[in-house]
Amino acid sequence: MATMKDVAELAGVSLGTVSRVINKAQGIKPQTLEKVNGAIEKLNYIPDQYARGMKLNRTNTIALIVPTIWHPFFGEFAYHVEQELSRLDYKMLLCNSAGPEKEAEYIKML
């Protein structure tokens, strides 16, 4: 699996430049954009969203705690929530509460 360092090496730029391209910062020369994006494509580089979340203190992950997914309402509800979150580039953790103790465990985990 390719890393940002691999992308920087192949493109002949710094890690900071790769980061700026990935984060769509302003003021990057078109030639630099082309080199970095070409290296990303060639290496099939995929940014690690969880590592990025730790750095930014934001993961774009939401937990949905429902009483049970066995009930058709909650299953369908979870499906539609996940579809909308996905459209907004969020990920969803689905948790079955099965009571207040389990809910407390999930909240502590999150």
Protein backbone atom coordinates (compact mmCIF):
# COMPACT_ATOMS: atom_id res chain seq x y z
CA MET A 1 0.00 0.00 0.00
CA ALA A 2 1.43 3.35 -1.05
CA THR A 3 2.10 6.11 1.48
CA MET A 4 2.22 9.90 1.19
CA LYS A 5 6.00 9.58 1.33
CA ASP A 6 5.91 7.32 -1.77
CA VAL A 7 3.75 9.87 -3.58
CA ALA A 8 6.11 12.72 -2.62
CA GLU A 9 9.15 10.75 -3.83
CA LEU A 10 7.59 9.83 -7.17
CA ALA A 11 6.33 13.38 -7.77
CA GLY A 12 9.60 14.95 -6.61
CA VAL A 13 7.93 17.17 -4.03
CA SER A 14 7.77 17.43 -0.23
CA LEU A 15 5.29 15.65 2.04
CA GLY A 16 3.78 19.05 2.81
CA THR A 17 3.08 19.64 -0.87
CA VAL A 18 1.36 16.26 -1.17
CA SER A 19 -0.72 17.11 1.89
CA ARG A 20 -1.68 20.47 0.42
CA VAL A 21 -2.77 18.81 -2.84
CA ILE A 22 -4.83 16.16 -1.00
CA ASN A 23 -6.48 18.86 1.14
CA LYS A 24 -7.16 21.01 -1.93
CA ALA A 25 -5.24 24.03 -0.61
CA GLN A 26 -5.20 27.22 -2.63
CA GLY A 27 -2.18 28.50 -4.55
CA ILE A 28 -0.66 25.25 -5.82
CA LYS A 29 0.92 25.56 -9.25
CA PRO A 30 -0.88 23.59 -11.98
CA GLN A 31 2.36 21.77 -12.85
CA THR A 32 2.75 20.63 -9.21
CA LEU A 33 -0.89 19.53 -9.08
CA GLU A 34 -0.38 17.49 -12.22
CA LYS A 35 2.78 15.79 -10.86
CA VAL A 36 1.23 14.94 -7.48
CA ASN A 37 -2.10 13.77 -8.91
CA GLY A 38 -0.22 11.67 -11.46
CA ALA A 39 1.81 10.02 -8.70
CA ILE A 40 -1.35 9.43 -6.64
CA GLU A 41 -3.00 7.75 -9.63
CA LYS A 42 0.06 5.71 -10.60
CA LEU A 43 0.55 4.41 -7.04
CA ASN A 44 -3.20 3.98 -6.40
CA TYR A 45 -2.69 6.01 -3.23
CA ILE A 46 -5.72 6.23 -0.94
CA PRO A 47 -5.48 8.63 2.01
CA ASP A 48 -5.97 6.99 5.41
CA GLN A 49 -9.13 8.69 6.65
CA TYR A 50 -8.67 7.51 10.23
CA ALA A 51 -5.10 8.80 10.47
CA ARG A 52 -6.31 12.07 9.01
CA GLY A 53 -9.14 12.15 11.53
CA MET A 54 -6.71 11.76 14.40
CA LYS A 55 -4.61 14.65 13.10
CA LEU A 56 -7.65 16.89 12.56
CA ASN A 57 -9.44 15.62 15.69
CA ARG A 58 -12.40 14.81 13.43
CA THR A 59 -13.20 11.43 11.88
CA ASN A 60 -16.37 12.06 9.84
CA THR A 61 -17.78 8.96 11.53
CA ILE A 62 -21.14 8.87 13.25
CA ALA A 63 -22.53 6.14 15.47
CA LEU A 64 -26.20 5.30 15.16
CA ILE A 65 -27.47 3.49 18.24
CA VAL A 66 -30.81 1.74 17.70
CA PRO A 67 -32.74 -0.62 19.99
CA THR A 68 -32.55 -3.44 17.44
CA ILE A 69 -32.02 -3.92 13.73
CA TRP A 70 -34.42 -6.87 13.74
CA HIS A 71 -37.42 -4.53 13.69
CA PRO A 72 -38.08 -3.49 10.08
CA PHE A 73 -38.43 0.19 11.03
CA PHE A 74 -34.94 0.43 12.55
CA GLY A 75 -33.34 -1.58 9.75
CA GLU A 76 -34.82 0.68 7.09
CA PHE A 77 -34.12 3.79 9.16
CA ALA A 78 -30.44 2.80 9.50
CA TYR A 79 -30.25 2.16 5.76
CA HIS A 80 -31.52 5.64 4.88
CA VAL A 81 -29.35 7.36 7.49
CA GLU A 82 -26.28 5.57 6.09
CA GLN A 83 -27.20 6.56 2.52
CA GLU A 84 -27.45 10.24 3.45
CA LEU A 85 -24.27 10.18 5.54
CA SER A 86 -22.42 8.53 2.66
CA ARG A 87 -23.58 11.30 0.34
CA LEU A 88 -21.99 13.77 2.80
CA ASP A 89 -18.73 11.74 2.98
CA TYR A 90 -19.42 10.40 6.47
CA LYS A 91 -19.14 6.81 7.68
CA MET A 92 -21.62 5.20 10.05
CA LEU A 93 -21.18 2.72 12.87
CA LEU A 94 -24.38 0.81 13.56
CA CYS A 95 -24.90 -0.24 17.18
CA ASN A 96 -27.70 -2.34 18.70
CA SER A 97 -28.33 -1.05 22.19
CA ALA A 98 -30.24 -3.96 23.78
CA GLY A 99 -30.67 -1.88 26.92
CA PRO A 100 -29.11 0.97 28.89
CA GLU A 101 -25.97 -0.96 29.89
CA LYS A 102 -25.04 -1.69 26.30
CA GLU A 103 -25.81 1.92 25.30
CA ALA A 104 -23.43 3.13 28.00
CA GLU A 105 -20.73 0.76 26.66
CA TYR A 106 -21.14 2.18 23.15
CA ILE A 107 -21.03 5.76 24.37
CA LYS A 108 -17.89 5.04 26.38
CA MET A 109 -16.30 3.35 23.35
CA LEU A 110 -17.06 6.36 21.15
